[in-house]
Protein backbone atom coordinates (compact mmCIF):
# COMPACT_ATOMS: atom_id res chain seq x y z
CA MET A 1 -16.89 27.00 16.80
CA SER A 2 -15.06 28.64 19.69
CA LEU A 3 -13.41 26.37 22.24
CA LEU A 4 -14.68 26.21 25.82
CA LYS A 5 -12.05 27.71 28.14
CA VAL A 6 -11.41 25.17 30.92
CA GLY A 7 -9.83 25.46 34.36
CA ILE A 8 -8.82 22.48 36.52
CA CYS A 9 -8.80 22.61 40.34
CA GLY A 10 -6.31 20.31 42.02
CA ALA A 11 -4.37 20.21 38.77
CA SER A 12 -1.26 18.42 40.10
CA GLY A 13 -3.13 15.60 41.85
CA LYS A 14 -3.69 12.12 40.41
CA MET A 15 -7.02 13.06 38.86
CA GLY A 16 -5.82 16.54 37.98
CA LYS A 17 -3.02 15.15 35.82
CA ALA A 18 -5.43 12.81 34.04
CA LEU A 19 -7.77 15.74 33.40
CA VAL A 20 -4.96 17.90 32.01
CA LYS A 21 -4.16 15.24 29.41
CA ALA A 22 -7.83 14.67 28.58
CA VAL A 23 -8.59 18.39 28.08
CA ALA A 24 -5.43 18.94 26.05
CA ASN A 25 -6.47 16.12 23.70
CA ASN A 26 -10.07 17.29 23.28
CA ASP A 27 -10.88 19.34 20.18
CA GLN A 28 -13.82 21.14 21.86
CA LEU A 29 -11.90 22.38 24.91
CA GLU A 30 -8.99 24.70 25.66
CA LEU A 31 -7.06 24.40 28.92
CA VAL A 32 -6.50 27.96 30.17
CA ALA A 33 -5.98 27.70 33.95
CA ALA A 34 -4.70 25.31 36.64
CA LEU A 35 -5.25 25.80 40.38
CA GLU A 36 -3.51 24.42 43.48
CA HIS A 37 -3.23 25.50 47.12
CA SER A 38 -0.52 28.04 47.90
CA LYS A 39 1.89 25.56 49.56
CA ASN A 40 1.84 23.07 46.70
CA GLU A 41 5.34 22.37 45.37
CA ASN A 42 4.16 22.70 41.75
CA ILE A 43 3.08 26.35 41.96
CA GLY A 44 4.67 28.25 39.07
CA LYS A 45 5.35 25.14 36.98
CA ASP A 46 3.82 24.39 33.59
CA VAL A 47 0.85 22.10 34.22
CA GLY A 48 1.53 20.06 31.08
CA GLU A 49 5.03 19.21 32.25
CA VAL A 50 3.75 18.31 35.74
CA ALA A 51 1.26 15.94 34.10
CA SER A 52 4.08 14.41 31.97
CA PHE A 53 2.23 15.55 28.85
CA GLY A 54 4.57 18.23 27.57
CA LYS A 55 4.66 22.02 27.83
CA LEU A 56 1.21 23.62 27.48
CA GLY A 57 1.98 27.22 28.42
CA VAL A 58 -0.41 27.12 31.41
CA GLU A 59 1.17 27.86 34.78
CA ILE A 60 -0.17 26.31 38.00
CA ILE A 61 -1.36 29.16 40.23
CA SER A 62 -2.87 29.57 43.70
CA ASP A 63 -4.83 32.79 43.07
CA ALA A 64 -8.45 31.56 42.87
CA GLU A 65 -9.85 34.88 41.63
CA ASP A 66 -7.34 34.93 38.76
CA PHE A 67 -8.06 31.26 38.00
CA PHE A 68 -11.83 31.67 37.76
CA SER A 69 -11.62 34.93 35.82
CA LYS A 70 -9.89 33.00 33.01
CA SER A 71 -12.27 30.01 32.99
CA GLN A 72 -15.68 29.44 31.41
CA GLY A 73 -16.00 25.89 32.72
CA VAL A 74 -14.23 24.29 35.69
CA ILE A 75 -13.56 20.69 36.73
CA ASP A 76 -12.84 20.14 40.42
CA PHE A 77 -11.46 16.90 41.92
CA SER A 78 -9.80 18.42 44.99
CA PHE A 79 -10.78 18.32 48.68
CA ALA A 80 -14.21 18.99 50.19
CA SER A 81 -13.24 22.16 52.08
CA ALA A 82 -11.35 23.58 49.08
CA SER A 83 -14.19 22.74 46.69
CA ILE A 84 -16.71 24.67 48.79
CA GLU A 85 -14.52 27.77 48.70
CA ASN A 86 -13.82 27.33 44.99
CA ILE A 87 -17.41 26.89 43.85
CA GLN A 88 -18.52 30.03 45.67
CA ILE A 89 -15.85 32.05 43.85
CA ALA A 90 -16.85 30.36 40.59
CA SER A 91 -20.41 31.64 41.02
CA LYS A 92 -19.11 35.22 41.01
CA HIS A 93 -17.42 34.62 37.65
CA ASN A 94 -20.36 32.73 36.11
CA CYS A 95 -18.36 29.53 35.54
CA SER A 96 -20.12 26.24 34.85
CA TYR A 97 -18.86 23.66 37.34
CA VAL A 98 -18.20 19.91 37.24
CA LEU A 99 -17.62 18.66 40.78
CA GLY A 100 -16.13 15.21 41.32
CA THR A 101 -14.82 15.76 44.84
CA THR A 102 -16.14 13.37 47.53
CA GLY A 103 -16.40 13.41 51.32
CA PHE A 104 -18.87 16.31 51.66
CA GLU A 105 -20.87 16.78 54.83
CA LYS A 106 -24.59 17.60 54.67
CA GLU A 107 -24.05 21.33 55.31
CA GLN A 108 -21.48 21.49 52.53
CA ILE A 109 -23.88 19.82 50.10
CA LYS A 110 -26.47 22.47 50.99
CA LYS A 111 -23.97 25.18 50.05
CA ILE A 112 -23.35 23.50 46.70
CA GLU A 113 -27.09 23.37 46.06
CA GLU A 114 -27.39 27.07 46.93
CA VAL A 115 -24.62 27.96 44.46
CA SER A 116 -26.37 25.89 41.77
CA ASN A 117 -29.13 28.50 41.78
CA LEU A 118 -26.55 30.86 40.25
CA ILE A 119 -24.49 28.60 37.96
CA PRO A 120 -25.01 25.17 36.35
CA VAL A 121 -23.35 22.43 38.43
CA VAL A 122 -22.86 18.72 37.76
CA CYS A 123 -22.09 16.99 41.04
CA SER A 124 -21.28 13.29 41.12
CA ALA A 125 -19.39 11.02 43.50
CA ASN A 126 -18.13 9.14 40.46
CA MET A 127 -17.86 10.50 36.92
CA SER A 128 -17.43 7.08 35.31
CA ILE A 129 -20.14 6.36 32.76
CA GLY A 130 -20.12 2.69 33.79
CA ILE A 131 -20.66 3.47 37.47
CA ASN A 132 -23.58 5.74 36.71
CA VAL A 133 -25.23 3.01 34.65
CA ILE A 134 -24.71 0.69 37.65
CA LEU A 135 -26.38 3.26 39.95
CA TYR A 136 -29.38 3.21 37.63
CA TYR A 137 -29.63 -0.58 37.73
CA ALA A 138 -28.93 -0.77 41.50
CA GLU A 139 -32.05 1.31 42.09
CA MET A 140 -34.06 -0.84 39.68
CA PHE A 141 -32.84 -4.11 41.23
CA ALA A 142 -33.63 -2.85 44.73
CA LYS A 143 -37.12 -1.81 43.70
CA ASN A 144 -37.95 -5.13 42.04
CA LEU A 145 -36.21 -7.51 44.46
CA GLY A 146 -37.43 -5.82 47.63
CA ASN A 147 -36.35 -6.55 51.19
CA ASP A 148 -36.27 -10.32 50.66
CA TYR A 149 -32.81 -9.83 49.13
CA ASP A 150 -30.12 -8.57 51.52
CA ALA A 151 -28.06 -5.75 50.03
CA GLU A 152 -24.31 -5.54 50.60
CA ILE A 153 -21.87 -2.99 49.14
CA HIS A 154 -18.12 -3.62 49.15
CA GLU A 155 -15.47 -1.20 47.93
CA ILE A 156 -11.66 -1.18 47.78
CA HIS A 157 -9.41 1.78 46.97
CA HIS A 158 -5.72 2.70 47.11
CA ASN A 159 -4.06 3.27 50.47
CA ASP A 160 -3.98 7.08 50.04
CA LYS A 161 -7.76 7.48 49.93
CA LEU A 162 -9.01 9.41 52.96
CA ASP A 163 -12.81 9.13 53.04
CA SER A 164 -14.47 5.85 53.98
CA PRO A 165 -16.73 4.46 52.71
CA SER A 166 -16.13 5.97 49.30
CA GLY A 167 -18.49 8.55 47.90
CA THR A 168 -19.38 6.06 45.18
CA ALA A 169 -20.31 3.38 47.75
CA LEU A 170 -22.57 5.89 49.50
CA ALA A 171 -24.13 6.84 46.16
CA ILE A 172 -24.85 3.14 45.55
CA GLY A 173 -26.43 2.94 48.99
CA GLU A 174 -28.61 5.94 48.19
CA ALA A 175 -29.68 4.32 44.91
CA ILE A 176 -30.69 1.12 46.72
CA ALA A 177 -32.49 3.09 49.42
CA LYS A 178 -34.34 5.09 46.77
CA GLY A 179 -35.40 1.89 45.02
CA ARG A 180 -36.77 0.56 48.32
CA ASN A 181 -38.24 3.93 49.32
CA ILE A 182 -36.38 3.95 52.65
CA ASP A 183 -33.95 6.27 54.46
CA LEU A 184 -30.34 5.13 53.96
CA GLU A 185 -29.02 6.53 57.24
CA LYS A 186 -31.66 4.68 59.26
CA ASN A 187 -31.04 1.38 57.44
CA THR A 188 -27.24 1.26 57.19
CA ILE A 189 -24.92 -1.34 58.71
CA LYS A 190 -21.71 0.62 59.19
CA SER A 191 -19.66 -1.97 61.06
CA ARG A 192 -19.98 -5.57 62.20
CA TRP A 193 -17.02 -5.64 64.57
CA GLY A 194 -18.32 -6.97 67.88
CA ILE A 195 -21.95 -7.14 66.70
CA GLU A 196 -23.66 -10.44 67.49
CA ASN A 197 -27.21 -9.54 66.51
CA LYS A 198 -28.96 -10.94 63.44
CA ARG A 199 -29.18 -8.39 60.61
CA GLU A 200 -32.46 -6.54 60.31
CA LYS A 201 -34.50 -7.15 57.19
CA GLY A 202 -34.06 -4.41 54.61
CA SER A 203 -30.77 -3.12 56.01
CA ILE A 204 -27.93 -2.15 53.66
CA GLY A 205 -24.43 -3.31 54.59
CA PHE A 206 -21.16 -1.57 53.78
CA SER A 207 -17.61 -2.96 53.87
CA THR A 208 -14.41 -1.12 53.00
CA SER A 209 -10.84 -2.07 52.11
CA ARG A 210 -7.79 0.11 51.51
CA GLY A 211 -4.57 -1.08 49.94
CA GLY A 212 -1.95 -0.75 47.25
CA ASP A 213 -2.73 1.30 44.16
CA VAL A 214 -6.29 0.08 43.52
CA ILE A 215 -8.04 2.87 41.62
CA GLY A 216 -11.51 1.82 42.74
CA ASP A 217 -13.57 -1.39 42.74
CA HIS A 218 -17.23 -1.58 43.81
CA THR A 219 -19.42 -4.66 44.11
CA ILE A 220 -23.12 -4.77 45.00
CA THR A 221 -24.57 -8.07 46.17
CA PHE A 222 -28.27 -8.82 46.46
CA ALA A 223 -28.40 -12.10 48.40
CA GLY A 224 -31.69 -13.96 48.43
CA THR A 225 -32.75 -17.48 49.31
CA GLY A 226 -31.24 -19.84 46.77
CA GLU A 227 -29.75 -17.15 44.54
CA ARG A 228 -27.41 -14.18 44.55
CA LEU A 229 -27.20 -11.27 42.11
CA GLU A 230 -24.10 -9.10 41.77
CA LEU A 231 -23.27 -5.85 40.02
CA SER A 232 -19.58 -5.02 39.85
CA HIS A 233 -17.43 -2.22 38.48
CA LYS A 234 -13.63 -2.17 38.44
CA ALA A 235 -11.74 0.95 37.40
CA GLY A 236 -8.69 0.11 35.29
CA ASN A 237 -7.44 3.69 34.92
CA ARG A 238 -8.39 7.28 35.77
CA GLU A 239 -9.25 8.09 32.17
CA ILE A 240 -12.76 6.74 32.75
CA PHE A 241 -13.35 9.49 35.31
CA SER A 242 -11.76 12.27 33.25
CA ASN A 243 -13.69 11.21 30.13
CA GLY A 244 -16.95 11.33 32.08
CA ALA A 245 -16.04 14.73 33.54
CA LEU A 246 -15.35 16.14 30.07
CA LYS A 247 -18.63 14.75 28.78
CA ALA A 248 -20.39 16.47 31.69
CA LEU A 249 -18.58 19.79 31.10
CA ILE A 250 -19.46 19.87 27.39
CA TRP A 251 -23.11 18.99 28.20
CA LEU A 252 -23.23 21.62 30.95
CA LYS A 253 -22.31 24.61 28.76
CA ASP A 254 -25.81 24.59 27.24
CA GLN A 255 -27.67 24.26 30.55
CA SER A 256 -29.35 26.81 32.78
CA PRO A 257 -28.26 27.22 36.43
CA GLY A 258 -29.21 24.14 38.41
CA TYR A 259 -27.98 21.09 40.32
CA TYR A 260 -27.39 18.20 37.91
CA THR A 261 -25.94 14.68 38.17
CA MET A 262 -24.38 12.29 35.69
CA SER A 263 -27.84 10.73 35.32
CA ASN A 264 -28.93 13.99 33.70
CA VAL A 265 -25.83 14.04 31.50
CA LEU A 266 -26.43 10.45 30.34
CA GLY A 267 -30.21 10.78 30.02
CA LEU A 268 -30.90 8.07 32.62
CA ASN A 269 -33.55 9.98 34.59
């Protein structure tokens, strides 16, 4: 069986390094390309050495056309603006695409959906298998508990994380809203600073913390009268995200063009 030729966008970032190690250790995949922006200090270096894995013979480059021409499947954990440019180039080279970048605006998501008509795309705010199981149960809990249980979502991440709330927290909110058959945007509590009004029934609250080197913790609370239910996920390392991304990439190679999520990969739909 021939190995799937894999390219990694954002290869010298925290997730990129974890992905380099994961791909290099996988017997179904071959790492053939590593991409970074042109001003990155690691351009020209061996990606294995940058990831503290050992020499792999794959140089980090900034030429996107060259990168995608080498790759059959791509994993992208970079920045929203870069990911939009990258995925459009990927469509010209018929690359399957696993997208774990967060912080997309609605117009950017539309562009991703348009590209998915040309190539198969797995897009997920969180590639962790555990988180995606929690999303499944968050929807189910919300559907069965109804508006009598107030929903609160709290997340904490490291102090370098830029988007807030996290893409995962928003995905949890969408799952709860779907379970209740409501619009998330119209039923979201974004901040309580200075607010003295009683919360509206059915609203979904978000709270965010940033500090230290926390990889990512998410807790969902359904608070009712006399009882409280909680779903919680704590990320102990970045391998959980890279392992999920690899699972998605291997699954994706047999799929037709389309927009998929980790629910599809895990058979949770």
